[in-house]
């Protein structure tokens, strides 16, 4: 028996299988993308401290796994980022950072890096231009 020309066997099974495989790949890649974002791009808070009168608030954080810290003061919208040299393959940790408030408007930030070297940062709310600066 001959089949008429206008009737053809539809081959939709391969299309549905392709869409199912594509959907599974997308669903399985979501946790991987979330992990990569958290590991390399998400800001992680290390330490925060408020001034004695709670006028100013300093936050120190890092992005992902790096040795570059970000110092931010919320009230004055000041920020400074600095690279801290630590031991090989060791990230900057909150144990290495101390914020000492000298007054309500001034603070000294001490970060311990490689070989006990200390990197000093100074916050001065009354400064004209740079509110946060690195002292060498």
C-alpha atoms as a PDB file:
ATOM      1  CA  UNK A   1       0.000   0.000   0.000  1.00  0.00           C
ATOM      2  CA  UNK A   2       1.271   3.386  -0.949  1.00  0.00           C
ATOM      3  CA  UNK A   3       1.152   6.313   1.379  1.00  0.00           C
ATOM      4  CA  UNK A   4      -0.356   9.521  -0.015  1.00  0.00           C
ATOM      5  CA  UNK A   5       2.082  12.401  -0.542  1.00  0.00           C
ATOM      6  CA  UNK A   6       0.246  14.825   1.715  1.00  0.00           C
ATOM      7  CA  UNK A   7       0.502  12.544   4.754  1.00  0.00           C
ATOM      8  CA  UNK A   8       3.880  12.454   6.488  1.00  0.00           C
ATOM      9  CA  UNK A   9       4.936  10.869   9.728  1.00  0.00           C
ATOM     10  CA  UNK A  10       5.630  13.658  12.179  1.00  0.00           C
ATOM     11  CA  UNK A  11       8.962  13.562  13.936  1.00  0.00           C
ATOM     12  CA  UNK A  12       8.112  15.589  17.057  1.00  0.00           C
ATOM     13  CA  UNK A  13       9.705  13.197  19.542  1.00  0.00           C
ATOM     14  CA  UNK A  14      13.206  14.551  18.881  1.00  0.00           C
ATOM     15  CA  UNK A  15      12.076  18.158  19.426  1.00  0.00           C
ATOM     16  CA  UNK A  16      10.451  17.364  22.755  1.00  0.00           C
ATOM     17  CA  UNK A  17      13.521  15.384  23.859  1.00  0.00           C
ATOM     18  CA  UNK A  18      15.780  18.329  22.878  1.00  0.00           C
ATOM     19  CA  UNK A  19      13.650  20.755  24.917  1.00  0.00           C
ATOM     20  CA  UNK A  20      13.727  18.440  27.932  1.00  0.00           C
ATOM     21  CA  UNK A  21      17.530  18.148  27.755  1.00  0.00           C
ATOM     22  CA  UNK A  22      17.858  21.930  27.382  1.00  0.00           C
ATOM     23  CA  UNK A  23      15.564  22.533  30.376  1.00  0.00           C
ATOM     24  CA  UNK A  24      17.556  20.071  32.513  1.00  0.00           C
ATOM     25  CA  UNK A  25      20.854  21.783  31.585  1.00  0.00           C
ATOM     26  CA  UNK A  26      19.449  25.167  32.575  1.00  0.00           C
ATOM     27  CA  UNK A  27      18.061  23.853  35.867  1.00  0.00           C
ATOM     28  CA  UNK A  28      21.328  22.121  36.758  1.00  0.00           C
ATOM     29  CA  UNK A  29      23.418  25.215  35.965  1.00  0.00           C
ATOM     30  CA  UNK A  30      21.513  27.516  38.361  1.00  0.00           C
ATOM     31  CA  UNK A  31      23.244  26.261  41.568  1.00  0.00           C
ATOM     32  CA  UNK A  32      26.629  26.494  39.834  1.00  0.00           C
ATOM     33  CA  UNK A  33      25.979  30.122  38.841  1.00  0.00           C
ATOM     34  CA  UNK A  34      24.832  30.969  42.377  1.00  0.00           C
ATOM     35  CA  UNK A  35      28.011  29.404  43.813  1.00  0.00           C
ATOM     36  CA  UNK A  36      30.278  31.335  41.411  1.00  0.00           C
ATOM     37  CA  UNK A  37      28.486  34.590  42.256  1.00  0.00           C
ATOM     38  CA  UNK A  38      28.828  34.021  46.005  1.00  0.00           C
ATOM     39  CA  UNK A  39      32.467  32.938  45.774  1.00  0.00           C
ATOM     40  CA  UNK A  40      33.800  35.714  43.558  1.00  0.00           C
ATOM     41  CA  UNK A  41      31.423  38.671  43.334  1.00  0.00           C
ATOM     42  CA  UNK A  42      29.343  38.918  46.513  1.00  0.00           C
ATOM     43  CA  UNK A  43      30.451  41.381  49.171  1.00  0.00           C
ATOM     44  CA  UNK A  44      31.332  39.698  52.483  1.00  0.00           C
ATOM     45  CA  UNK A  45      31.331  41.824  55.635  1.00  0.00           C
ATOM     46  CA  UNK A  46      34.477  41.369  57.739  1.00  0.00           C
ATOM     47  CA  UNK A  47      34.007  43.889  60.522  1.00  0.00           C
ATOM     48  CA  UNK A  48      31.906  46.929  61.301  1.00  0.00           C
ATOM     49  CA  UNK A  49      32.134  49.482  64.071  1.00  0.00           C
ATOM     50  CA  UNK A  50      30.224  52.552  65.160  1.00  0.00           C
ATOM     51  CA  UNK A  51      31.691  55.692  66.657  1.00  0.00           C
ATOM     52  CA  UNK A  52      31.325  56.280  70.422  1.00  0.00           C
ATOM     53  CA  UNK A  53      28.305  58.560  69.905  1.00  0.00           C
ATOM     54  CA  UNK A  54      26.966  56.394  67.018  1.00  0.00           C
ATOM     55  CA  UNK A  55      27.336  59.292  64.589  1.00  0.00           C
ATOM     56  CA  UNK A  56      29.554  57.441  62.110  1.00  0.00           C
ATOM     57  CA  UNK A  57      29.700  53.787  61.111  1.00  0.00           C
ATOM     58  CA  UNK A  58      32.688  52.086  59.404  1.00  0.00           C
ATOM     59  CA  UNK A  59      32.277  48.811  57.494  1.00  0.00           C
ATOM     60  CA  UNK A  60      35.178  46.737  56.164  1.00  0.00           C
ATOM     61  CA  UNK A  61      34.411  44.037  53.592  1.00  0.00           C
ATOM     62  CA  UNK A  62      35.893  41.992  50.763  1.00  0.00           C
ATOM     63  CA  UNK A  63      34.476  40.781  47.459  1.00  0.00           C
ATOM     64  CA  UNK A  64      34.787  37.027  47.021  1.00  0.00           C
ATOM     65  CA  UNK A  65      38.174  35.511  47.777  1.00  0.00           C
ATOM     66  CA  UNK A  66      40.634  38.340  47.495  1.00  0.00           C
ATOM     67  CA  UNK A  67      43.181  40.289  49.477  1.00  0.00           C
ATOM     68  CA  UNK A  68      41.650  43.646  48.601  1.00  0.00           C
ATOM     69  CA  UNK A  69      39.580  45.184  51.375  1.00  0.00           C
ATOM     70  CA  UNK A  70      36.907  47.824  50.962  1.00  0.00           C
ATOM     71  CA  UNK A  71      36.550  50.389  53.769  1.00  0.00           C
ATOM     72  CA  UNK A  72      33.256  52.295  53.712  1.00  0.00           C
ATOM     73  CA  UNK A  73      31.796  54.941  55.973  1.00  0.00           C
ATOM     74  CA  UNK A  74      28.064  55.176  55.455  1.00  0.00           C
ATOM     75  CA  UNK A  75      27.245  58.658  56.812  1.00  0.00           C
ATOM     76  CA  UNK A  76      29.846  60.533  54.761  1.00  0.00           C
ATOM     77  CA  UNK A  77      29.622  58.167  51.751  1.00  0.00           C
ATOM     78  CA  UNK A  78      33.407  57.699  51.874  1.00  0.00           C
ATOM     79  CA  UNK A  79      35.166  54.589  50.666  1.00  0.00           C
ATOM     80  CA  UNK A  80      38.673  53.328  50.050  1.00  0.00           C
ATOM     81  CA  UNK A  81      39.905  50.012  48.690  1.00  0.00           C
ATOM     82  CA  UNK A  82      43.371  48.694  49.392  1.00  0.00           C
ATOM     83  CA  UNK A  83      45.321  45.518  48.662  1.00  0.00           C
ATOM     84  CA  UNK A  84      46.616  43.761  51.784  1.00  0.00           C
ATOM     85  CA  UNK A  85      49.504  41.287  51.436  1.00  0.00           C
ATOM     86  CA  UNK A  86      48.829  38.177  53.514  1.00  0.00           C
ATOM     87  CA  UNK A  87      50.385  34.740  53.773  1.00  0.00           C
ATOM     88  CA  UNK A  88      50.299  32.657  50.587  1.00  0.00           C
ATOM     89  CA  UNK A  89      46.761  31.622  49.621  1.00  0.00           C
ATOM     90  CA  UNK A  90      45.266  33.148  52.795  1.00  0.00           C
ATOM     91  CA  UNK A  91      42.496  35.704  52.537  1.00  0.00           C
ATOM     92  CA  UNK A  92      42.160  38.743  54.777  1.00  0.00           C
ATOM     93  CA  UNK A  93      40.173  37.722  57.870  1.00  0.00           C
ATOM     94  CA  UNK A  94      38.300  39.746  60.462  1.00  0.00           C
ATOM     95  CA  UNK A  95      40.855  38.690  63.109  1.00  0.00           C
ATOM     96  CA  UNK A  96      43.467  40.752  61.229  1.00  0.00           C
ATOM     97  CA  UNK A  97      41.511  44.022  61.459  1.00  0.00           C
ATOM     98  CA  UNK A  98      41.101  46.397  64.400  1.00  0.00           C
ATOM     99  CA  UNK A  99      39.133  49.659  64.371  1.00  0.00           C
ATOM    100  CA  UNK A 100      40.191  52.084  67.118  1.00  0.00           C
ATOM    101  CA  UNK A 101      38.009  55.169  67.570  1.00  0.00           C
ATOM    102  CA  UNK A 102      40.147  58.121  68.677  1.00  0.00           C
ATOM    103  CA  UNK A 103      37.109  60.411  68.977  1.00  0.00           C
ATOM    104  CA  UNK A 104      33.600  60.541  67.564  1.00  0.00           C
ATOM    105  CA  UNK A 105      34.900  61.880  64.240  1.00  0.00           C
ATOM    106  CA  UNK A 106      38.255  60.091  63.927  1.00  0.00           C
ATOM    107  CA  UNK A 107      39.234  56.433  63.780  1.00  0.00           C
ATOM    108  CA  UNK A 108      42.379  54.467  63.117  1.00  0.00           C
ATOM    109  CA  UNK A 109      42.077  51.159  61.236  1.00  0.00           C
ATOM    110  CA  UNK A 110      44.912  48.664  61.743  1.00  0.00           C
ATOM    111  CA  UNK A 111      45.199  45.682  59.378  1.00  0.00           C
ATOM    112  CA  UNK A 112      47.822  43.010  60.031  1.00  0.00           C
ATOM    113  CA  UNK A 113      49.292  41.561  56.865  1.00  0.00           C
ATOM    114  CA  UNK A 114      52.316  39.417  55.967  1.00  0.00           C
ATOM    115  CA  UNK A 115      55.103  39.125  58.554  1.00  0.00           C
ATOM    116  CA  UNK A 116      53.169  41.151  61.106  1.00  0.00           C
ATOM    117  CA  UNK A 117      53.407  44.284  58.958  1.00  0.00           C
ATOM    118  CA  UNK A 118      50.623  46.700  59.783  1.00  0.00           C
ATOM    119  CA  UNK A 119      48.734  48.739  57.256  1.00  0.00           C
ATOM    120  CA  UNK A 120      47.225  51.836  58.852  1.00  0.00           C
ATOM    121  CA  UNK A 121      44.172  53.646  57.600  1.00  0.00           C
ATOM    122  CA  UNK A 122      42.738  56.806  59.066  1.00  0.00           C
ATOM    123  CA  UNK A 123      39.134  58.033  58.996  1.00  0.00           C
ATOM    124  CA  UNK A 124      38.529  61.725  59.677  1.00  0.00           C
ATOM    125  CA  UNK A 125      34.959  62.977  59.274  1.00  0.00           C
ATOM    126  CA  UNK A 126      36.128  66.610  59.423  1.00  0.00           C
ATOM    127  CA  UNK A 127      38.567  66.252  56.504  1.00  0.00           C
ATOM    128  CA  UNK A 128      38.014  68.495  53.497  1.00  0.00           C
ATOM    129  CA  UNK A 129      38.590  66.018  50.644  1.00  0.00           C
ATOM    130  CA  UNK A 130      39.601  62.465  51.603  1.00  0.00           C
ATOM    131  CA  UNK A 131      37.693  61.185  54.630  1.00  0.00           C
ATOM    132  CA  UNK A 132      39.502  57.824  54.559  1.00  0.00           C
ATOM    133  CA  UNK A 133      43.190  57.694  53.715  1.00  0.00           C
ATOM    134  CA  UNK A 134      46.046  55.210  53.949  1.00  0.00           C
ATOM    135  CA  UNK A 135      48.988  56.153  56.151  1.00  0.00           C
ATOM    136  CA  UNK A 136      52.335  54.663  55.121  1.00  0.00           C
END
